Amino acid sequence: MSDEYNSRYSNEEFYWGLKPDKLVVKSIPFLKKNSKILDLGSGEGKDSLFLAKKGNNLTAVDISEKGIEKTNKFAKENNLKIKTEISNIKDYLNKSKKFDAIYAINVLQFIPEDKIFEVVKKMQNKTKKNGINVIASFIAENTKQKDFILKKGRYFFNKRELKKLYDTWEIEFYLEKLGDWETHGEKPHRHFIVNIIARKKI
């Protein structure tokens, strides 16, 4: 998968653009000042760059060398300090310290079923008390799609499944809906999406 995204990110322009994800913008009021933030699956860094501009202490992690290179380049050009690392999510979480906030924006759907719940648990464990997790991912529309995705080694959540994984946390925001039309180099399509902002209380 790193080769696929290295190819996508090899052009000078940003493949996903520089506009931050809507959920990332929505999460700002829930962050404490100068939060220590981990952006998992950061891609080219659009969300990390936005959060850093807000005065937060960012660590951006992605498996794509090209994505991290673009993050570093843009951060330097804009006098932003962002710590970056080329790594998969699971390996990084195994060794990381705790953060005030951990973001996983449109990346968990690429993790296989035998690892996804362990990764979510590690995100929770690596979050400080009163810290937040911010997740945007996909929901399976039906059993046929679910089976297809599982065979591809990926995972789409069931309805309300992600919320249940955070049942001991305070849910600050939760949304399941049919998302907007997307193109990004492919035929126009839509996904059923899930968004969550949850706060660790214990």
N, C-alpha and C. Protein backbone atom coordinates (compact mmCIF):
# COMPACT_ATOMS: atom_id res chain seq x y z
N MET A 1 0.82 -1.22 0.00
CA MET A 1 0.00 0.00 0.00
C MET A 1 0.85 1.27 0.00
N SER A 2 2.04 1.19 0.60
CA SER A 2 2.92 2.36 0.62
C SER A 2 3.31 2.77 -0.79
N ASP A 3 3.54 1.78 -1.70
CA ASP A 3 3.88 2.09 -3.09
C ASP A 3 2.72 2.80 -3.79
N GLU A 4 1.50 2.36 -3.51
CA GLU A 4 0.32 2.97 -4.11
C GLU A 4 0.22 4.44 -3.73
N TYR A 5 0.44 4.73 -2.45
CA TYR A 5 0.31 6.11 -2.00
C TYR A 5 1.54 6.94 -2.33
N ASN A 6 2.71 6.33 -2.42
CA ASN A 6 3.87 7.06 -2.90
C ASN A 6 3.63 7.56 -4.31
N SER A 7 2.97 6.73 -5.12
CA SER A 7 2.65 7.13 -6.49
C SER A 7 1.65 8.28 -6.50
N ARG A 8 0.62 8.18 -5.67
CA ARG A 8 -0.39 9.24 -5.60
C ARG A 8 0.20 10.56 -5.12
N TYR A 9 1.14 10.48 -4.20
CA TYR A 9 1.68 11.68 -3.58
C TYR A 9 2.94 12.22 -4.27
N SER A 10 3.31 11.63 -5.40
CA SER A 10 4.57 12.01 -6.05
C SER A 10 4.48 13.33 -6.80
N ASN A 11 3.26 13.76 -7.13
CA ASN A 11 3.11 15.04 -7.82
C ASN A 11 3.27 16.21 -6.85
N GLU A 12 3.57 17.36 -7.40
CA GLU A 12 3.81 18.53 -6.56
C GLU A 12 2.56 18.99 -5.83
N GLU A 13 1.40 18.92 -6.50
CA GLU A 13 0.17 19.33 -5.85
C GLU A 13 -0.27 18.26 -4.84
N PHE A 14 -1.10 18.70 -3.89
CA PHE A 14 -1.57 17.78 -2.86
C PHE A 14 -2.74 16.96 -3.40
N TYR A 15 -2.62 15.64 -3.36
CA TYR A 15 -3.61 14.72 -3.92
C TYR A 15 -4.99 14.94 -3.30
N TRP A 16 -5.03 15.13 -1.99
CA TRP A 16 -6.29 15.34 -1.27
C TRP A 16 -6.58 16.83 -1.04
N GLY A 17 -5.73 17.70 -1.57
CA GLY A 17 -5.88 19.12 -1.32
C GLY A 17 -5.32 19.50 0.04
N LEU A 18 -5.45 20.76 0.39
CA LEU A 18 -4.94 21.26 1.67
C LEU A 18 -6.04 21.63 2.66
N LYS A 19 -7.28 21.47 2.25
CA LYS A 19 -8.40 21.78 3.14
C LYS A 19 -8.55 20.68 4.17
N PRO A 20 -8.56 21.00 5.46
CA PRO A 20 -8.66 19.97 6.49
C PRO A 20 -10.01 19.27 6.45
N ASP A 21 -10.05 18.04 6.95
CA ASP A 21 -11.30 17.30 7.05
C ASP A 21 -12.29 18.05 7.94
N LYS A 22 -13.57 17.97 7.60
CA LYS A 22 -14.60 18.69 8.36
C LYS A 22 -14.61 18.29 9.83
N LEU A 23 -14.36 17.00 10.11
CA LEU A 23 -14.36 16.54 11.49
C LEU A 23 -13.19 17.12 12.26
N VAL A 24 -12.05 17.30 11.59
CA VAL A 24 -10.88 17.90 12.23
C VAL A 24 -11.18 19.33 12.64
N VAL A 25 -11.83 20.08 11.76
CA VAL A 25 -12.22 21.45 12.08
C VAL A 25 -13.20 21.45 13.26
N LYS A 26 -14.15 20.52 13.23
CA LYS A 26 -15.16 20.43 14.29
C LYS A 26 -14.55 20.09 15.64
N SER A 27 -13.40 19.41 15.64
CA SER A 27 -12.77 18.95 16.88
C SER A 27 -12.04 20.05 17.65
N ILE A 28 -11.76 21.16 17.02
CA ILE A 28 -10.93 22.21 17.63
C ILE A 28 -11.43 22.65 19.01
N PRO A 29 -12.73 22.91 19.20
CA PRO A 29 -13.20 23.35 20.52
C PRO A 29 -13.00 22.31 21.63
N PHE A 30 -12.78 21.07 21.26
CA PHE A 30 -12.63 20.01 22.26
C PHE A 30 -11.17 19.78 22.67
N LEU A 31 -10.26 20.52 22.05
CA LEU A 31 -8.84 20.40 22.36
C LEU A 31 -8.42 21.41 23.41
N LYS A 32 -7.55 21.00 24.32
CA LYS A 32 -6.97 21.97 25.24
C LYS A 32 -5.87 22.73 24.50
N LYS A 33 -5.48 23.87 25.02
CA LYS A 33 -4.46 24.70 24.38
C LYS A 33 -3.13 23.96 24.32
N ASN A 34 -2.46 24.09 23.18
CA ASN A 34 -1.14 23.47 22.96
C ASN A 34 -1.18 21.95 23.19
N SER A 35 -2.20 21.32 22.66
CA SER A 35 -2.34 19.87 22.81
C SER A 35 -1.21 19.11 22.10
N LYS A 36 -0.83 18.02 22.70
CA LYS A 36 0.10 17.10 22.06
C LYS A 36 -0.75 16.11 21.26
N ILE A 37 -0.64 16.19 19.92
CA ILE A 37 -1.54 15.46 19.04
C ILE A 37 -0.79 14.47 18.15
N LEU A 38 -1.39 13.29 18.00
CA LEU A 38 -0.89 12.27 17.08
C LEU A 38 -1.87 12.15 15.93
N ASP A 39 -1.38 12.33 14.70
CA ASP A 39 -2.19 12.20 13.50
C ASP A 39 -1.77 10.90 12.79
N LEU A 40 -2.60 9.87 12.92
CA LEU A 40 -2.29 8.56 12.35
C LEU A 40 -2.79 8.48 10.91
N GLY A 41 -1.95 7.93 10.03
CA GLY A 41 -2.32 7.89 8.62
C GLY A 41 -2.46 9.29 8.07
N SER A 42 -1.45 10.11 8.33
CA SER A 42 -1.52 11.56 8.07
C SER A 42 -1.45 11.91 6.59
N GLY A 43 -1.11 10.96 5.72
CA GLY A 43 -1.04 11.24 4.29
C GLY A 43 -0.03 12.31 3.97
N GLU A 44 -0.47 13.32 3.22
CA GLU A 44 0.42 14.44 2.88
C GLU A 44 0.43 15.50 3.97
N GLY A 45 -0.40 15.33 4.99
CA GLY A 45 -0.30 16.19 6.16
C GLY A 45 -1.29 17.33 6.26
N LYS A 46 -2.35 17.33 5.45
CA LYS A 46 -3.26 18.49 5.45
C LYS A 46 -3.89 18.74 6.82
N ASP A 47 -4.25 17.66 7.53
CA ASP A 47 -4.86 17.85 8.85
C ASP A 47 -3.82 18.21 9.90
N SER A 48 -2.63 17.60 9.81
CA SER A 48 -1.54 17.95 10.74
C SER A 48 -1.16 19.41 10.59
N LEU A 49 -1.07 19.87 9.35
CA LEU A 49 -0.70 21.26 9.10
C LEU A 49 -1.73 22.22 9.68
N PHE A 50 -3.00 21.89 9.50
CA PHE A 50 -4.08 22.72 10.05
C PHE A 50 -4.01 22.75 11.57
N LEU A 51 -3.84 21.60 12.18
CA LEU A 51 -3.79 21.53 13.65
C LEU A 51 -2.55 22.23 14.21
N ALA A 52 -1.43 22.13 13.49
CA ALA A 52 -0.21 22.82 13.92
C ALA A 52 -0.38 24.33 13.86
N LYS A 53 -1.08 24.79 12.84
CA LYS A 53 -1.32 26.24 12.71
C LYS A 53 -2.14 26.77 13.87
N LYS A 54 -2.89 25.88 14.52
CA LYS A 54 -3.70 26.26 15.68
C LYS A 54 -2.89 26.27 16.98
N GLY A 55 -1.58 26.00 16.86
CA GLY A 55 -0.71 26.08 18.03
C GLY A 55 -0.49 24.77 18.76
N ASN A 56 -0.90 23.66 18.14
CA ASN A 56 -0.73 22.36 18.78
C ASN A 56 0.62 21.72 18.43
N ASN A 57 1.00 20.75 19.23
CA ASN A 57 2.26 20.03 19.07
C ASN A 57 1.98 18.73 18.32
N LEU A 58 2.33 18.69 17.04
CA LEU A 58 1.92 17.60 16.16
C LEU A 58 2.98 16.54 15.92
N THR A 59 2.51 15.29 15.89
CA THR A 59 3.29 14.17 15.39
C THR A 59 2.48 13.53 14.28
N ALA A 60 3.02 13.49 13.07
CA ALA A 60 2.33 12.93 11.91
C ALA A 60 2.99 11.61 11.52
N VAL A 61 2.18 10.57 11.38
CA VAL A 61 2.69 9.23 11.07
C VAL A 61 1.98 8.68 9.84
N ASP A 62 2.76 8.19 8.88
CA ASP A 62 2.18 7.59 7.69
C ASP A 62 3.16 6.58 7.09
N ILE A 63 2.64 5.61 6.34
CA ILE A 63 3.52 4.62 5.71
C ILE A 63 4.15 5.13 4.42
N SER A 64 3.63 6.25 3.90
CA SER A 64 4.13 6.79 2.64
C SER A 64 5.29 7.76 2.83
N GLU A 65 6.44 7.42 2.27
CA GLU A 65 7.60 8.32 2.34
C GLU A 65 7.30 9.64 1.65
N LYS A 66 6.64 9.57 0.50
CA LYS A 66 6.32 10.78 -0.26
C LYS A 66 5.37 11.68 0.53
N GLY A 67 4.42 11.07 1.21
CA GLY A 67 3.49 11.85 2.01
C GLY A 67 4.20 12.59 3.13
N ILE A 68 5.09 11.90 3.81
CA ILE A 68 5.85 12.52 4.90
C ILE A 68 6.79 13.59 4.36
N GLU A 69 7.39 13.34 3.20
CA GLU A 69 8.26 14.35 2.58
C GLU A 69 7.49 15.64 2.31
N LYS A 70 6.28 15.52 1.80
CA LYS A 70 5.47 16.71 1.51
C LYS A 70 5.05 17.43 2.79
N THR A 71 4.75 16.66 3.82
CA THR A 71 4.42 17.25 5.11
C THR A 71 5.60 18.07 5.64
N ASN A 72 6.78 17.47 5.60
CA ASN A 72 7.99 18.16 6.09
C ASN A 72 8.28 19.43 5.29
N LYS A 73 8.13 19.33 3.97
CA LYS A 73 8.41 20.46 3.08
C LYS A 73 7.45 21.61 3.36
N PHE A 74 6.16 21.29 3.43
CA PHE A 74 5.16 22.34 3.64
C PHE A 74 5.27 22.93 5.03
N ALA A 75 5.57 22.10 6.01
CA ALA A 75 5.74 22.61 7.38
C ALA A 75 6.91 23.59 7.46
N LYS A 76 8.02 23.24 6.80
CA LYS A 76 9.19 24.12 6.80
C LYS A 76 8.89 25.44 6.11
N GLU A 77 8.18 25.38 4.99
CA GLU A 77 7.84 26.59 4.23
C GLU A 77 6.93 27.51 5.03
N ASN A 78 6.17 26.94 5.96
CA ASN A 78 5.22 27.73 6.74
C ASN A 78 5.64 27.91 8.20
N ASN A 79 6.92 27.60 8.47
CA ASN A 79 7.48 27.77 9.82
C ASN A 79 6.68 27.03 10.89
N LEU A 80 6.28 25.80 10.55
CA LEU A 80 5.54 24.97 11.48
C LEU A 80 6.42 23.81 11.94
N LYS A 81 6.34 23.49 13.21
CA LYS A 81 7.12 22.37 13.74
C LYS A 81 6.22 21.14 13.84
N ILE A 82 6.50 20.14 13.02
CA ILE A 82 5.74 18.90 13.04
C ILE A 82 6.73 17.73 13.06
N LYS A 83 6.62 16.91 14.07
CA LYS A 83 7.44 15.70 14.13
C LYS A 83 6.81 14.67 13.21
N THR A 84 7.60 14.03 12.37
CA THR A 84 7.06 13.07 11.43
C THR A 84 7.78 11.72 11.55
N GLU A 85 7.06 10.67 11.17
CA GLU A 85 7.68 9.35 11.15
C GLU A 85 6.99 8.48 10.10
N ILE A 86 7.80 7.72 9.37
CA ILE A 86 7.29 6.76 8.40
C ILE A 86 7.09 5.44 9.13
N SER A 87 5.83 5.04 9.28
CA SER A 87 5.53 3.83 10.04
C SER A 87 4.08 3.43 9.81
N ASN A 88 3.78 2.14 10.00
CA ASN A 88 2.37 1.77 10.02
C ASN A 88 1.81 2.08 11.41
N ILE A 89 0.50 2.15 11.49
CA ILE A 89 -0.17 2.60 12.71
C ILE A 89 0.13 1.70 13.90
N LYS A 90 -0.02 0.40 13.71
CA LYS A 90 0.14 -0.54 14.81
C LYS A 90 1.55 -0.49 15.40
N ASP A 91 2.56 -0.47 14.53
CA ASP A 91 3.94 -0.44 15.01
C ASP A 91 4.23 0.85 15.78
N TYR A 92 3.70 1.96 15.28
CA TYR A 92 3.96 3.22 15.97
C TYR A 92 3.30 3.26 17.34
N LEU A 93 2.06 2.82 17.42
CA LEU A 93 1.34 2.83 18.70
C LEU A 93 2.00 1.92 19.73
N ASN A 94 2.62 0.86 19.26
CA ASN A 94 3.29 -0.07 20.19
C ASN A 94 4.40 0.62 20.98
N LYS A 95 5.04 1.62 20.39
CA LYS A 95 6.20 2.24 21.03
C LYS A 95 5.96 3.68 21.48
N SER A 96 4.82 4.24 21.14
CA SER A 96 4.60 5.67 21.39
C SER A 96 4.28 5.97 22.85
N LYS A 97 4.49 7.23 23.20
CA LYS A 97 4.06 7.74 24.50
C LYS A 97 2.59 8.15 24.39
N LYS A 98 2.03 8.71 25.45
CA LYS A 98 0.63 9.11 25.43
C LYS A 98 0.45 10.52 24.86
N PHE A 99 -0.74 10.74 24.29
CA PHE A 99 -1.06 12.01 23.67
C PHE A 99 -2.34 12.60 24.25
N ASP A 100 -2.49 13.92 24.10
CA ASP A 100 -3.72 14.58 24.51
C ASP A 100 -4.85 14.28 23.52
N ALA A 101 -4.49 14.04 22.27
CA ALA A 101 -5.49 13.74 21.25
C ALA A 101 -4.87 12.84 20.18
N ILE A 102 -5.63 11.87 19.73
CA ILE A 102 -5.19 11.01 18.64
C ILE A 102 -6.24 11.05 17.55
N TYR A 103 -5.79 11.37 16.34
CA TYR A 103 -6.66 11.45 15.17
C TYR A 103 -6.40 10.28 14.23
N ALA A 104 -7.47 9.70 13.70
CA ALA A 104 -7.38 8.67 12.66
C ALA A 104 -8.45 9.01 11.63
N ILE A 105 -8.06 9.83 10.67
CA ILE A 105 -9.01 10.34 9.69
C ILE A 105 -8.92 9.55 8.39
N ASN A 106 -9.95 8.77 8.13
CA ASN A 106 -10.05 7.97 6.91
C ASN A 106 -8.85 7.05 6.69
N VAL A 107 -8.47 6.36 7.75
CA VAL A 107 -7.37 5.40 7.65
C VAL A 107 -7.72 4.02 8.22
N LEU A 108 -8.61 3.97 9.20
CA LEU A 108 -8.90 2.69 9.84
C LEU A 108 -9.54 1.69 8.89
N GLN A 109 -10.20 2.16 7.83
CA GLN A 109 -10.83 1.24 6.89
C GLN A 109 -9.82 0.42 6.10
N PHE A 110 -8.55 0.76 6.21
CA PHE A 110 -7.51 0.01 5.50
C PHE A 110 -6.87 -1.07 6.38
N ILE A 111 -7.30 -1.16 7.62
CA ILE A 111 -6.74 -2.14 8.55
C ILE A 111 -7.59 -3.41 8.53
N PRO A 112 -6.98 -4.59 8.46
CA PRO A 112 -7.76 -5.83 8.41
C PRO A 112 -8.49 -6.14 9.71
N GLU A 113 -9.49 -7.01 9.61
CA GLU A 113 -10.35 -7.33 10.74
C GLU A 113 -9.58 -7.87 11.93
N ASP A 114 -8.52 -8.65 11.68
CA ASP A 114 -7.78 -9.26 12.79
C ASP A 114 -6.89 -8.28 13.54
N LYS A 115 -6.83 -7.03 13.06
CA LYS A 115 -5.99 -6.02 13.72
C LYS A 115 -6.76 -4.77 14.15
N ILE A 116 -7.92 -4.52 13.56
CA ILE A 116 -8.60 -3.25 13.75
C ILE A 116 -8.96 -2.98 15.21
N PHE A 117 -9.47 -3.98 15.92
CA PHE A 117 -9.91 -3.74 17.30
C PHE A 117 -8.72 -3.55 18.23
N GLU A 118 -7.62 -4.22 17.92
CA GLU A 118 -6.39 -4.02 18.69
C GLU A 118 -5.87 -2.60 18.50
N VAL A 119 -5.95 -2.11 17.26
CA VAL A 119 -5.48 -0.75 16.97
C VAL A 119 -6.33 0.28 17.70
N VAL A 120 -7.65 0.13 17.68
CA VAL A 120 -8.53 1.07 18.40
C VAL A 120 -8.22 1.04 19.89
N LYS A 121 -8.00 -0.15 20.43
CA LYS A 121 -7.67 -0.28 21.85
C LYS A 121 -6.35 0.41 22.17
N LYS A 122 -5.37 0.28 21.29
CA LYS A 122 -4.08 0.93 21.50
C LYS A 122 -4.23 2.45 21.43
N MET A 123 -5.06 2.94 20.51
CA MET A 123 -5.33 4.37 20.46
C MET A 123 -5.90 4.85 21.79
N GLN A 124 -6.81 4.10 22.33
CA GLN A 124 -7.42 4.47 23.60
C GLN A 124 -6.39 4.44 24.73
N ASN A 125 -5.57 3.42 24.76
CA ASN A 125 -4.55 3.29 25.81
C ASN A 125 -3.49 4.38 25.74
N LYS A 126 -3.21 4.87 24.52
CA LYS A 126 -2.19 5.90 24.33
C LYS A 126 -2.75 7.31 24.40
N THR A 127 -3.98 7.43 24.88
CA THR A 127 -4.61 8.73 25.08
C THR A 127 -4.62 9.07 26.57
N LYS A 128 -4.19 10.27 26.90
CA LYS A 128 -4.18 10.71 28.30
C LYS A 128 -5.61 10.88 28.81
N LYS A 129 -5.76 10.81 30.13
CA LYS A 129 -7.06 11.05 30.74
C LYS A 129 -7.55 12.45 30.35
N ASN A 130 -8.81 12.55 30.00
CA ASN A 130 -9.46 13.77 29.51
C ASN A 130 -9.03 14.14 28.09
N GLY A 131 -8.23 13.28 27.47
CA GLY A 131 -7.85 13.48 26.08
C GLY A 131 -8.94 12.96 25.15
N ILE A 132 -8.78 13.20 23.86
CA ILE A 132 -9.80 12.79 22.90
C ILE A 132 -9.25 11.92 21.79
N ASN A 133 -10.13 11.11 21.22
CA ASN A 133 -9.89 10.40 19.97
C ASN A 133 -10.85 10.98 18.94
N VAL A 134 -10.32 11.21 17.74
CA VAL A 134 -11.11 11.75 16.65
C VAL A 134 -10.96 10.81 15.46
N ILE A 135 -12.07 10.18 15.07
CA ILE A 135 -12.02 9.15 14.04
C ILE A 135 -13.06 9.41 12.96
N ALA A 136 -12.62 9.30 11.72
CA ALA A 136 -13.52 9.29 10.57
C ALA A 136 -13.23 8.01 9.80
N SER A 137 -14.26 7.21 9.57
CA SER A 137 -14.07 5.95 8.87
C SER A 137 -15.33 5.60 8.09
N PHE A 138 -15.41 4.34 7.62
CA PHE A 138 -16.53 3.91 6.79
C PHE A 138 -17.39 2.87 7.50
N ILE A 139 -18.64 2.81 7.10
CA ILE A 139 -19.60 1.82 7.58
C ILE A 139 -20.00 0.92 6.40
N ALA A 140 -20.12 -0.37 6.65
CA ALA A 140 -20.59 -1.29 5.62
C ALA A 140 -22.07 -1.06 5.36
N GLU A 141 -22.43 -0.93 4.09
CA GLU A 141 -23.83 -0.68 3.72
C GLU A 141 -24.68 -1.93 3.89
N ASN A 142 -24.09 -3.09 3.66
CA ASN A 142 -24.83 -4.34 3.73
C ASN A 142 -23.83 -5.49 3.88
N THR A 143 -24.34 -6.70 4.06
CA THR A 143 -23.47 -7.86 4.28
C THR A 143 -22.64 -8.19 3.05
N LYS A 144 -23.18 -7.96 1.87
CA LYS A 144 -22.43 -8.22 0.64
C LYS A 144 -21.18 -7.34 0.56
N GLN A 145 -21.36 -6.03 0.85
CA GLN A 145 -20.21 -5.13 0.85
C GLN A 145 -19.22 -5.49 1.96
N LYS A 146 -19.76 -5.85 3.13
CA LYS A 146 -18.91 -6.22 4.26
C LYS A 146 -18.02 -7.41 3.89
N ASP A 147 -18.61 -8.44 3.30
CA ASP A 147 -17.85 -9.62 2.90
C ASP A 147 -16.79 -9.28 1.87
N PHE A 148 -17.14 -8.42 0.93
CA PHE A 148 -16.20 -8.00 -0.13
C PHE A 148 -15.01 -7.26 0.47
N ILE A 149 -15.28 -6.36 1.40
CA ILE A 149 -14.22 -5.58 2.03
C ILE A 149 -13.31 -6.47 2.88
N LEU A 150 -13.91 -7.39 3.61
CA LEU A 150 -13.12 -8.30 4.45
C LEU A 150 -12.18 -9.15 3.59
N LYS A 151 -12.65 -9.59 2.44
CA LYS A 151 -11.82 -10.39 1.54
C LYS A 151 -10.65 -9.59 0.99
N LYS A 152 -10.81 -8.27 0.93
CA LYS A 152 -9.73 -7.39 0.47
C LYS A 152 -8.74 -7.06 1.59
N GLY A 153 -8.98 -7.62 2.78
CA GLY A 153 -8.09 -7.36 3.91
C GLY A 153 -8.29 -6.00 4.54
N ARG A 154 -9.52 -5.48 4.43
CA ARG A 154 -9.84 -4.19 5.01
C ARG A 154 -11.02 -4.35 5.96
N TYR A 155 -11.44 -3.25 6.59
CA TYR A 155 -12.54 -3.35 7.54
C TYR A 155 -13.42 -2.10 7.51
N PHE A 156 -14.73 -2.31 7.30
CA PHE A 156 -15.73 -1.26 7.45
C PHE A 156 -16.53 -1.59 8.71
N PHE A 157 -16.76 -0.60 9.55
CA PHE A 157 -17.51 -0.84 10.79
C PHE A 157 -18.98 -1.15 10.49
N ASN A 158 -19.61 -1.85 11.41
CA ASN A 158 -21.06 -2.01 11.37
C ASN A 158 -21.70 -0.76 11.96
N LYS A 159 -22.99 -0.60 11.75
CA LYS A 159 -23.69 0.54 12.33
C LYS A 159 -23.58 0.51 13.85
N ARG A 160 -23.24 1.66 14.41
CA ARG A 160 -23.12 1.88 15.86
C ARG A 160 -21.98 1.09 16.52
N GLU A 161 -21.20 0.38 15.71
CA GLU A 161 -20.12 -0.43 16.28
C GLU A 161 -19.01 0.43 16.88
N LEU A 162 -18.62 1.48 16.19
CA LEU A 162 -17.55 2.33 16.70
C LEU A 162 -17.97 3.01 17.99
N LYS A 163 -19.22 3.45 18.05
CA LYS A 163 -19.73 4.08 19.27
C LYS A 163 -19.66 3.10 20.44
N LYS A 164 -19.97 1.86 20.19
CA LYS A 164 -19.93 0.84 21.24
C LYS A 164 -18.51 0.62 21.74
N LEU A 165 -17.52 0.74 20.86
CA LEU A 165 -16.12 0.57 21.26
C LEU A 165 -15.68 1.68 22.22
N TYR A 166 -16.43 2.78 22.24
CA TYR A 166 -16.12 3.90 23.13
C TYR A 166 -17.20 4.07 24.21
N ASP A 167 -17.80 2.95 24.62
CA ASP A 167 -18.91 3.06 25.57
C ASP A 167 -18.49 3.49 26.97
N THR A 168 -17.19 3.43 27.29
CA THR A 168 -16.73 3.92 28.60
C THR A 168 -16.19 5.34 28.51
N TRP A 169 -16.23 5.93 27.32
CA TRP A 169 -15.78 7.29 27.10
C TRP A 169 -16.99 8.22 26.99
N GLU A 170 -16.74 9.51 27.14
CA GLU A 170 -17.80 10.51 26.92
C GLU A 170 -17.84 10.85 25.43
N ILE A 171 -18.97 10.62 24.80
CA ILE A 171 -19.10 10.91 23.38
C ILE A 171 -19.43 12.39 23.19
N GLU A 172 -18.47 13.13 22.63
CA GLU A 172 -18.67 14.56 22.39
C GLU A 172 -19.43 14.80 21.09
N PHE A 173 -19.21 13.91 20.11
CA PHE A 173 -19.88 14.04 18.82
C PHE A 173 -19.89 12.68 18.15
N TYR A 174 -21.04 12.34 17.54
CA TYR A 174 -21.13 11.07 16.82
C TYR A 174 -22.08 11.23 15.64
N LEU A 175 -21.66 10.69 14.49
CA LEU A 175 -22.47 10.84 13.28
C LEU A 175 -22.28 9.62 12.38
N GLU A 176 -23.39 9.10 11.89
CA GLU A 176 -23.37 8.09 10.84
C GLU A 176 -24.27 8.61 9.72
N LYS A 177 -23.75 8.64 8.49
CA LYS A 177 -24.58 9.15 7.39
C LYS A 177 -23.95 8.75 6.05
N LEU A 178 -24.71 8.94 4.98
CA LEU A 178 -24.18 8.78 3.64
C LEU A 178 -23.39 10.03 3.30
N GLY A 179 -22.11 9.86 3.00
CA GLY A 179 -21.23 10.99 2.79
C GLY A 179 -21.45 11.72 1.48
N ASP A 180 -20.70 12.78 1.29
CA ASP A 180 -20.79 13.59 0.08
C ASP A 180 -20.18 12.84 -1.11
N TRP A 181 -20.51 13.29 -2.31
CA TRP A 181 -19.90 12.73 -3.51
C TRP A 181 -18.42 13.03 -3.53
N GLU A 182 -17.61 12.06 -3.94
CA GLU A 182 -16.16 12.21 -4.03
C GLU A 182 -15.69 11.79 -5.42
N THR A 183 -14.54 12.32 -5.83
CA THR A 183 -13.95 11.91 -7.11
C THR A 183 -12.50 11.46 -6.91
N HIS A 184 -11.62 12.39 -6.47
CA HIS A 184 -10.18 12.16 -6.28
C HIS A 184 -9.59 11.11 -7.22
N GLY A 185 -9.73 11.39 -8.55
CA GLY A 185 -9.11 10.54 -9.55
C GLY A 185 -9.89 9.30 -9.90
N GLU A 186 -11.06 9.10 -9.30
CA GLU A 186 -11.88 7.93 -9.58
C GLU A 186 -13.26 8.37 -10.04
N LYS A 187 -14.13 7.39 -10.38
CA LYS A 187 -15.50 7.73 -10.73
C LYS A 187 -16.19 8.33 -9.50
N PRO A 188 -17.09 9.27 -9.68
CA PRO A 188 -17.82 9.84 -8.52
C PRO A 188 -18.47 8.74 -7.70
N HIS A 189 -18.31 8.82 -6.40
CA HIS A 189 -18.85 7.78 -5.52
C HIS A 189 -19.11 8.37 -4.14
N ARG A 190 -19.85 7.63 -3.33
CA ARG A 190 -20.15 8.04 -1.96
C ARG A 190 -19.93 6.86 -1.04
N HIS A 191 -19.59 7.17 0.23
CA HIS A 191 -19.42 6.14 1.25
C HIS A 191 -20.37 6.42 2.40
N PHE A 192 -20.81 5.36 3.07
CA PHE A 192 -21.46 5.54 4.36
C PHE A 192 -20.35 5.77 5.38
N ILE A 193 -20.43 6.87 6.09
CA ILE A 193 -19.33 7.27 6.95
C ILE A 193 -19.73 7.27 8.43
N VAL A 194 -18.73 7.17 9.27
CA VAL A 194 -18.93 7.32 10.71
C VAL A 194 -17.88 8.31 11.23
N ASN A 195 -18.32 9.25 12.03
CA ASN A 195 -17.44 10.23 12.69
C ASN A 195 -17.64 10.16 14.18
N ILE A 196 -16.54 10.23 14.92
CA ILE A 196 -16.66 10.25 16.38
C ILE A 196 -15.60 11.16 16.98
N ILE A 197 -16.01 11.90 17.99
CA ILE A 197 -15.08 12.61 18.88
C ILE A 197 -15.43 12.12 20.27
N ALA A 198 -14.52 11.42 20.92
CA ALA A 198 -14.79 10.83 22.23
C ALA A 198 -13.71 11.24 23.22
N ARG A 199 -14.13 11.47 24.48
CA ARG A 199 -13.21 11.91 25.52
C ARG A 199 -13.00 10.83 26.57
N LYS A 200 -11.74 10.59 26.90
CA LYS A 200 -11.39 9.56 27.88
C LYS A 200 -11.61 10.10 29.30
N LYS A 201 -12.50 9.48 30.03
CA LYS A 201 -12.84 9.97 31.36
C LYS A 201 -12.25 9.13 32.48
N ILE A 202 -11.80 7.90 32.18
CA ILE A 202 -11.25 7.05 33.26
C ILE A 202 -9.90 6.50 32.84
